[in-house]
Structures are given as C-alpha cells and as structure tokens.
Protein backbone atom coordinates (compact mmCIF):
# COMPACT_ATOMS: atom_id res chain seq x y z
CA MET A 1 -69.02 168.34 -46.82
CA SER A 2 -68.18 164.66 -47.94
CA SER A 3 -65.89 163.50 -44.32
CA ALA A 4 -68.78 163.77 -41.88
CA PRO A 5 -71.51 161.06 -43.16
CA THR A 6 -68.45 158.12 -42.72
CA THR A 7 -68.00 159.05 -39.37
CA ALA A 8 -71.12 158.59 -37.74
CA PRO A 9 -71.82 155.69 -37.50
CA VAL A 10 -68.61 154.52 -37.06
CA GLU A 11 -68.65 156.32 -33.37
CA ASN A 12 -72.13 154.83 -33.54
CA LYS A 13 -70.81 151.31 -33.97
CA ARG A 14 -68.07 151.58 -31.64
CA ILE A 15 -70.58 153.25 -29.00
CA ARG A 16 -72.62 150.18 -28.97
CA THR A 17 -69.89 147.87 -29.50
CA ASN A 18 -68.29 148.87 -26.00
CA LEU A 19 -72.26 149.43 -24.49
CA TRP A 20 -72.56 145.95 -25.04
CA ILE A 21 -68.96 145.18 -23.48
CA GLY A 22 -69.76 146.89 -20.79
CA LEU A 23 -73.69 145.38 -20.12
CA THR A 24 -71.37 142.06 -20.65
CA LEU A 25 -68.74 143.18 -17.90
CA ILE A 26 -72.08 143.81 -15.78
CA ILE A 27 -73.39 141.11 -16.47
CA GLY A 28 -70.61 139.23 -15.87
CA LEU A 29 -69.21 141.09 -12.67
CA ILE A 30 -73.71 140.38 -11.54
CA ALA A 31 -72.84 135.57 -12.57
CA LEU A 32 -69.64 136.28 -10.61
CA GLY A 33 -70.98 137.74 -7.87
CA LEU A 34 -74.18 135.32 -7.58
CA SER A 35 -71.83 132.02 -8.15
CA SER A 36 -69.49 132.91 -5.27
CA ALA A 37 -72.89 134.32 -2.81
CA VAL A 38 -73.97 130.66 -3.53
CA ALA A 39 -70.40 129.72 -3.90
CA LEU A 40 -70.22 130.55 0.06
CA TYR A 41 -73.85 129.41 1.06
CA PHE A 42 -72.89 126.04 0.16
CA TYR A 43 -69.22 126.05 1.50
CA PHE A 44 -70.99 127.54 5.05
CA HIS A 45 -73.30 124.73 4.52
CA ALA A 46 -71.36 122.25 3.20
CA SER A 47 -70.96 120.71 6.89
CA ALA A 48 -74.66 120.39 7.94
CA TRP A 49 -75.89 119.38 4.49
CA GLN A 50 -73.08 116.21 5.29
CA ALA A 51 -74.66 115.80 8.64
CA SER A 52 -77.91 115.99 7.52
CA PHE A 53 -77.40 113.06 4.71
CA SER A 54 -75.54 111.19 6.64
CA ALA A 55 -77.87 111.39 9.13
CA SER A 56 -80.25 110.53 6.45
CA ALA A 57 -78.24 108.48 4.77
CA GLN A 58 -78.41 106.58 8.14
CA GLU A 59 -82.11 106.63 9.13
CA GLN A 60 -82.55 105.22 6.17
CA SER A 61 -80.32 101.83 6.69
CA ASP A 62 -81.90 101.87 9.75
CA LEU A 63 -85.63 101.92 8.26
CA LYS A 64 -85.00 99.03 5.46
CA HIS A 65 -83.03 97.02 8.56
CA THR A 66 -86.40 98.03 10.49
CA LEU A 67 -88.46 97.37 7.52
CA ARG A 68 -85.87 93.54 7.07
CA GLU A 69 -86.75 92.61 10.85
CA ASN A 70 -90.70 94.09 9.93
CA LYS A 71 -90.73 91.64 7.23
CA ARG A 72 -89.17 88.93 9.40
CA SER A 73 -92.11 89.15 12.30
CA ILE A 74 -94.39 89.33 10.06
CA ALA A 75 -93.33 86.31 8.46
CA SER A 76 -93.22 85.17 12.25
CA LEU A 77 -96.53 85.76 12.83
CA ASN A 78 -97.95 84.33 9.84
CA GLY A 79 -95.99 81.05 10.91
CA SER A 80 -97.87 81.25 14.20
CA VAL A 81 -100.87 82.07 13.43
CA THR A 82 -101.00 79.40 10.15
CA ALA A 83 -99.18 77.48 13.06
CA LEU A 84 -102.13 78.63 15.81
CA THR A 85 -104.74 77.59 13.13
CA ALA A 86 -103.77 74.08 12.90
CA SER A 87 -103.39 73.98 16.49
CA ASP A 88 -106.86 74.84 16.91
CA THR A 89 -108.01 72.47 14.00
CA ASN A 90 -106.00 69.94 15.96
CA GLN A 91 -107.53 70.90 19.31
CA ALA A 92 -111.14 70.94 17.64
CA GLN A 93 -110.44 67.30 16.97
CA SER A 94 -109.33 66.74 19.99
CA LEU A 95 -112.31 68.07 22.37
CA ALA A 96 -114.10 66.17 19.47
CA GLN A 97 -112.69 62.89 20.27
CA LEU A 98 -112.88 63.94 24.26
CA GLN A 99 -116.15 64.65 24.09
CA THR A 100 -116.97 61.69 22.38
CA GLN A 101 -115.06 59.74 24.62
CA VAL A 102 -116.44 61.19 27.61
CA ASN A 103 -120.11 60.54 25.87
CA THR A 104 -119.08 56.73 25.42
CA VAL A 105 -117.78 57.28 29.51
CA GLN A 106 -120.82 58.31 30.35
CA ASN A 107 -122.74 55.99 28.53
CA ALA A 108 -121.32 53.36 30.71
CA LEU A 109 -121.65 54.63 33.36
CA GLN A 110 -125.59 55.29 33.28
CA THR A 111 -125.09 51.40 32.17
CA GLN A 112 -123.44 50.43 35.15
CA LEU A 113 -125.17 52.71 37.47
CA SER A 114 -128.67 51.20 36.36
CA THR A 115 -127.39 47.26 36.58
CA LEU A 116 -125.53 47.99 40.02
CA PRO A 117 -128.78 47.80 41.72
CA LEU A 118 -129.52 44.07 40.39
CA ALA A 119 -125.38 42.97 40.10
CA HIS A 120 -125.57 43.65 43.95
CA SER A 121 -128.52 42.00 44.27
CA LEU A 122 -126.79 38.82 42.46
CA TYR A 123 -123.97 39.00 44.90
CA LEU A 124 -126.57 39.26 47.92
CA VAL A 125 -128.98 36.04 46.52
CA GLN A 126 -125.09 34.03 46.03
CA LEU A 127 -124.09 34.88 49.74
CA ALA A 128 -127.47 33.54 51.35
CA GLN A 129 -126.98 30.83 49.06
CA ASP A 130 -123.16 30.48 50.37
CA ALA A 131 -124.43 30.60 53.60
CA LEU A 132 -127.71 27.42 53.52
CA LEU A 133 -124.98 25.11 51.59
CA TYR A 134 -122.35 25.05 53.41
CA GLN A 135 -122.80 27.19 56.79
CA PHE A 136 -125.95 25.72 57.47
CA ASN A 137 -127.20 29.12 58.55
CA SER A 138 -130.94 30.47 57.80
CA ASN A 139 -131.34 33.37 59.99
CA LYS A 140 -128.15 34.80 57.74
CA ALA A 141 -129.55 33.82 54.33
CA VAL A 142 -132.98 35.44 55.30
CA LEU A 143 -130.54 38.71 55.82
CA TYR A 144 -128.91 38.88 52.80
CA LEU A 145 -132.04 38.11 51.03
CA GLN A 146 -133.64 40.64 52.89
CA ALA A 147 -130.75 43.06 51.58
CA ALA A 148 -131.78 41.44 47.68
CA HIS A 149 -135.37 42.48 48.10
CA ASN A 150 -134.65 46.17 49.15
CA GLU A 151 -132.42 46.21 46.15
CA LEU A 152 -134.57 44.96 43.77
CA MET A 153 -137.46 46.90 45.00
CA GLN A 154 -135.89 50.33 43.42
CA SER A 155 -136.19 49.14 39.75
CA PRO A 156 -139.24 49.84 37.79
CA ASP A 157 -138.68 46.76 35.74
CA ALA A 158 -141.02 44.67 35.85
CA GLU A 159 -139.16 41.18 34.37
CA LEU A 160 -137.43 42.73 38.07
CA GLN A 161 -140.25 42.34 40.17
CA ALA A 162 -141.29 39.46 39.22
CA LEU A 163 -137.71 37.93 40.21
CA ASP A 164 -138.79 39.96 43.56
CA SER A 165 -141.85 38.35 44.23
CA SER A 166 -140.39 34.37 43.93
CA LEU A 167 -137.42 36.23 45.95
CA GLN A 168 -140.15 37.14 48.49
CA GLN A 169 -141.80 33.91 48.37
CA THR A 170 -137.94 32.12 49.17
CA LEU A 171 -137.96 34.86 52.37
CA ASN A 172 -140.92 34.03 53.23
CA SER A 173 -139.88 29.84 53.33
CA LEU A 174 -137.12 31.01 54.83
CA LYS A 175 -138.32 33.04 57.58
CA ALA A 176 -141.36 30.02 58.43
CA MET A 177 -138.68 27.45 58.44
CA PRO A 178 -136.82 26.38 62.60
CA SER A 179 -133.91 28.16 63.19
CA LEU A 180 -130.83 25.71 63.51
CA ASN A 181 -128.65 26.93 66.18
CA ILE A 182 -125.12 24.32 66.11
CA SER A 183 -123.51 26.20 69.17
CA LYS A 184 -127.01 25.85 71.12
CA ILE A 185 -127.14 21.83 70.93
CA VAL A 186 -122.90 21.52 70.95
CA ARG A 187 -123.88 23.25 74.51
CA GLN A 188 -127.07 21.18 75.71
CA LEU A 189 -124.67 18.32 74.73
CA SER A 190 -122.17 19.26 77.23
CA THR A 191 -124.70 20.27 79.89
CA LEU A 192 -126.31 16.65 79.22
CA GLN A 193 -122.14 14.88 79.36
CA ASP A 194 -121.95 16.47 82.68
CA SER A 195 -124.87 15.72 84.35
CA ILE A 196 -124.00 11.74 83.43
CA ASN A 197 -121.67 11.23 86.85
CA THR A 198 -125.08 12.22 88.78
CA LEU A 199 -127.53 9.29 87.29
CA PRO A 200 -127.90 6.86 88.62
CA LEU A 201 -127.81 2.71 88.61
CA THR A 202 -130.37 0.32 87.57
CA GLN A 203 -128.86 -1.92 90.45
CA THR A 204 -126.24 -0.09 92.78
CA GLU A 205 -124.10 -1.33 95.53
CA PRO A 206 -125.83 -1.33 99.44
CA LYS A 207 -125.23 2.48 100.43
CA THR A 208 -124.95 1.24 104.39
CA ASN A 209 -122.53 2.50 106.55
CA PRO A 210 -119.99 -0.08 107.11
CA ARG A 211 -118.23 1.25 110.21
CA ALA A 212 -122.34 2.26 111.73
CA ARG A 213 -122.53 -1.71 110.66
CA ASP A 214 -119.34 -2.90 111.75
CA ALA A 215 -119.58 -2.03 115.29
CA HIS A 216 -122.72 -4.38 116.43
CA ARG A 217 -120.54 -6.90 115.24
CA SER A 218 -117.87 -9.17 116.99
CA PHE A 219 -114.98 -9.08 115.98
CA TRP A 220 -114.98 -12.52 113.59
CA SER A 221 -118.17 -11.31 111.47
CA ASN A 222 -116.02 -8.69 111.35
CA LEU A 223 -112.83 -10.51 109.86
CA TRP A 224 -115.57 -12.41 108.30
CA GLU A 225 -117.21 -9.68 105.91
CA ASN A 226 -113.94 -7.01 105.74
CA ALA A 227 -112.15 -10.73 103.93
CA TRP A 228 -115.63 -11.05 101.79
CA GLY A 229 -115.31 -7.48 100.87
CA GLY A 230 -111.88 -7.76 99.39
CA LEU A 231 -112.56 -11.00 97.14
CA GLN A 232 -115.63 -8.85 95.98
CA LYS A 233 -113.29 -6.25 94.63
CA VAL A 234 -111.44 -9.15 93.55
CA ILE A 235 -113.65 -11.57 91.78
CA THR A 236 -117.73 -9.86 90.59
CA LEU A 237 -120.61 -12.74 90.83
CA LYS A 238 -122.86 -12.23 87.95
CA HIS A 239 -125.61 -14.76 88.47
CA TYR A 240 -127.85 -14.84 84.54
CA GLY A 241 -131.32 -15.58 85.05
CA ALA A 242 -131.38 -14.21 88.91
CA ALA A 243 -133.94 -12.18 90.04
CA ALA A 244 -131.51 -10.66 92.57
CA PRO A 245 -129.55 -8.00 91.79
CA HIS A 246 -125.70 -8.08 91.30
CA PHE A 247 -123.40 -5.30 92.62
CA ILE A 248 -121.46 -2.66 89.50
CA THR A 249 -117.78 -2.19 91.07
CA PRO A 250 -116.56 1.60 90.63
CA ASP A 251 -114.74 0.57 87.23
CA GLU A 252 -117.95 -0.77 85.92
CA ARG A 253 -119.49 2.65 86.52
CA ALA A 254 -117.09 4.52 85.37
CA TYR A 255 -117.40 2.07 81.72
CA LEU A 256 -120.78 3.42 81.87
CA ASN A 257 -120.36 6.88 82.67
CA ALA A 258 -117.74 6.80 80.04
CA ARG A 259 -119.44 4.76 77.23
CA LEU A 260 -122.80 7.35 77.65
CA CYS A 261 -120.16 10.38 77.16
CA LEU A 262 -118.52 8.57 74.53
CA TYR A 263 -122.08 9.29 72.46
CA LEU A 264 -123.01 12.07 73.53
CA SER A 265 -119.41 13.63 72.66
CA GLN A 266 -119.43 11.66 68.52
CA ALA A 267 -123.57 13.72 68.53
CA GLN A 268 -121.44 17.11 69.09
CA TRP A 269 -118.57 16.07 66.64
CA ALA A 270 -122.04 14.98 64.11
CA ALA A 271 -123.39 18.44 65.26
CA LEU A 272 -120.30 20.50 64.18
CA SER A 273 -120.13 18.59 60.65
CA HIS A 274 -123.77 18.34 60.17
CA ASP A 275 -123.89 14.80 60.04
CA THR A 276 -127.34 14.06 60.53
CA VAL A 277 -127.15 10.38 59.97
CA LEU A 278 -124.45 10.90 62.68
CA PHE A 279 -126.40 12.39 64.47
CA ASN A 280 -129.68 10.15 65.15
CA ARG A 281 -127.63 7.14 65.59
CA SER A 282 -125.33 8.55 68.60
CA ILE A 283 -128.36 10.82 70.34
CA GLN A 284 -130.38 6.70 69.56
CA ASP A 285 -127.50 5.04 70.82
CA ALA A 286 -126.92 7.39 74.15
CA GLU A 287 -131.03 7.02 74.98
CA GLN A 288 -130.91 3.16 74.89
CA TRP A 289 -127.90 3.36 76.68
CA LEU A 290 -128.89 4.95 79.29
CA GLN A 291 -132.34 2.94 79.55
CA THR A 292 -130.49 0.07 79.50
CA HIS A 293 -127.91 0.86 82.58
CA TYR A 294 -129.50 4.03 84.16
CA ASP A 295 -132.81 4.11 86.26
CA THR A 296 -135.24 6.11 84.34
CA ASN A 297 -137.46 6.51 86.93
CA ASN A 298 -134.77 8.86 88.42
CA VAL A 299 -136.16 12.47 87.73
CA ILE A 300 -132.17 13.61 86.51
CA ALA A 301 -132.78 10.59 83.63
CA GLN A 302 -136.06 11.37 83.40
CA THR A 303 -134.89 14.90 81.86
CA LEU A 304 -132.23 14.06 80.25
CA GLN A 305 -134.28 11.39 78.38
CA LYS A 306 -136.91 14.20 76.79
CA GLN A 307 -133.80 16.34 75.82
CA LEU A 308 -132.49 13.49 73.89
CA ASN A 309 -136.36 13.26 72.70
CA GLU A 310 -136.12 16.72 71.66
CA LEU A 311 -132.80 16.36 69.72
CA GLU A 312 -133.22 13.62 68.14
CA SER A 313 -135.86 15.01 66.18
CA ILE A 314 -133.78 18.21 64.90
CA GLN A 315 -132.12 17.44 61.64
CA LEU A 316 -128.66 19.42 60.71
CA GLN A 317 -129.63 19.50 57.02
CA PRO A 318 -132.56 20.86 56.41
CA ASN A 319 -134.65 21.24 53.76
CA PHE A 320 -133.61 24.86 52.42
CA PRO A 321 -135.53 26.28 49.35
CA GLU A 322 -133.51 26.29 45.90
CA LEU A 323 -131.92 29.54 45.54
CA SER A 324 -130.44 28.87 42.06
CA PRO A 325 -133.30 29.44 39.78
CA ILE A 326 -133.46 32.96 41.47
CA ILE A 327 -129.66 33.70 40.68
CA ASN A 328 -129.69 32.63 36.88
CA ARG A 329 -132.71 34.32 36.36
CA LEU A 330 -130.37 38.15 37.54
CA GLN A 331 -127.51 36.64 35.94
CA HIS A 332 -130.30 36.56 32.02
CA ALA A 333 -131.47 40.19 33.69
CA LEU A 334 -127.36 41.30 34.41
CA ILE A 335 -125.62 40.11 31.40
CA SER A 336 -129.06 41.69 29.05
CA ASN A 337 -128.77 44.66 30.81
CA GLU A 338 -124.63 45.13 30.21
CA LYS A 339 -125.49 44.20 26.13
C-alpha cells in the first residue's frame, strides 16, 4: 500500500515533461517550417526586391540630380529675374530720359517752327536790300518784299504786325518809283549809235554828180576841175570868221561820227556800272557834239536829241527807301523768340 502513491506523481511528472517536450518540438517544427517558408519566400523574391531596390536607388539618384538641376535652374531664373528687374529699372530710366529729350526736341521744334516765318522774312528783306544796293533792281526787290509781307501776315504777334505795316509802306514806295531797266538803256544807246552815220552835218560837200557836170565843160575846164579837186583832197582851206561854208572831208566826218559814238559808248559803260555822274556827263557831251557839228533841223537829229534828253533825266542810283531799320527789327524779334 505504501508504493502506489509514490509512483503516481512520478508518472504524472513524466507525462507533463513529455507533453512539454512534444509541444516544444511541435512549436520548433512550426517555427522551422515558418522560417523555411520565409527563407524560401525571401530567396525567391530577393532578386525582384534587389532589382526594385536598385531601381529605387536609381530613381532616387535621378531625383537628386533633377533636384540639383532644378535648384540651378531656379538660381538662374532668380538671377534672370533680378537682371530683368534691373534692366526694367534701367529701361524705365532710359525711357524717362528719352521722354525728356523728346519733350526738349518738341519744344525746340515748336520754337523753330514759330520763328521760321520770321527768319524767312528776314532772309527775303536782306535779298531785297542786296537787289537795291548792288543790282539797282527795284522790281526784284518788290518781289522779295511782297513775299516777306506774306510771311509776316501769318504771325499773330502785334509787334510783327506793326513791323509788317512798315514793310508795306516801304513796298508801296518802291512800287511808286519808276523802274530802272539797264538793258533797255543799253539797247537804246546802241540804236542811237547805229543812226549816227545817217545824220547830216551842218556843212557838207555839194552833192552834184561830177560826171554829169563834166559832160558840159571843155577839156581844159575838166582838167582844171580835176586838178583842183585833187588839190582839195590834199589841202583843206578853212576861212575862220567867213560866212561861206567850208567843205568836210571824209576823214573829218569819220572823226565826228566816231567822237559821237564814243560818247554814247561811254554812256553805255556808265549805265552798266551804275555811274550816274559819268552817264550824265557823257549824254551831255553827246548832246553838245550833236548840236555843234550836225544839222539839228533834220528829223533824225531831232529824234536823237529828244532821246538824249530823256536819257539825261534817268537816275542810275535812285534814292531807294532804306531797309536797314526793318532788318534790325526783324533780327531783334528773331533773337527774342529764340530765347
């Protein structure tokens, strides 16, 4: 009876021990199976994971490279934006300067446009003064002054209107003066020179026909007349204080005509050079020579005398109106407008 209780606990302990061992083996087997399964899973999927990891690493590297490039691009864009901002600022300043220059040029252009009629009028009046002083051409001066008057009429300035009034008075004075045509005077003197050879002298040779006269004379009479005629050609007798007319040789007539032609030619030269004193003296000498040596009762001589009287009254340097005050006022007005 005493051995049964002792064996039972030992058996129970052994059984529990075996159960724990079996359970431990089962658990170990399960763990080994799971480990094997996991190992097999990782073994079969390791290459795919490695490839995936490699791809991921490449993508990460590419992303890092792209990120660096983007950073560089952003830095470059920031620099470009900064440069463009500075450029815009410079362009804005340049535009402001350009606008200032444009305004200055516009103001200067407006000033020049406003002074253009005044400057043109001054130029025209100066041309008119030159035409009067150096060319003695009042017709040309009238044209220049009329154009200057038309320019001044466009200005609303009261001072220029008063100046235009003075200019118009001068213009009216020039229009009232007789025109001086030098070419007409020279042509008229040339016509008078052509008519000199047709003028009769105060004392001329008899104009009978010697052949008709000698037909009614004897041989000795004709011989005497021929000898006397030859002697007259060599020696000329003049009786001073006698009432009888003296004969004029061809050489004397040529001299008289040449002297009168010389006076008229000298008058032509004086007309071309606008020498009034020499012109009047030459015309007076021609008149005196005509009255002394030519027959003034002849129609041709009377016509020539009348034309010489008309020429003697011509003034080659007439008293033209003074244009200097108008020029000075125009210059003063032009300087005032430019300021």
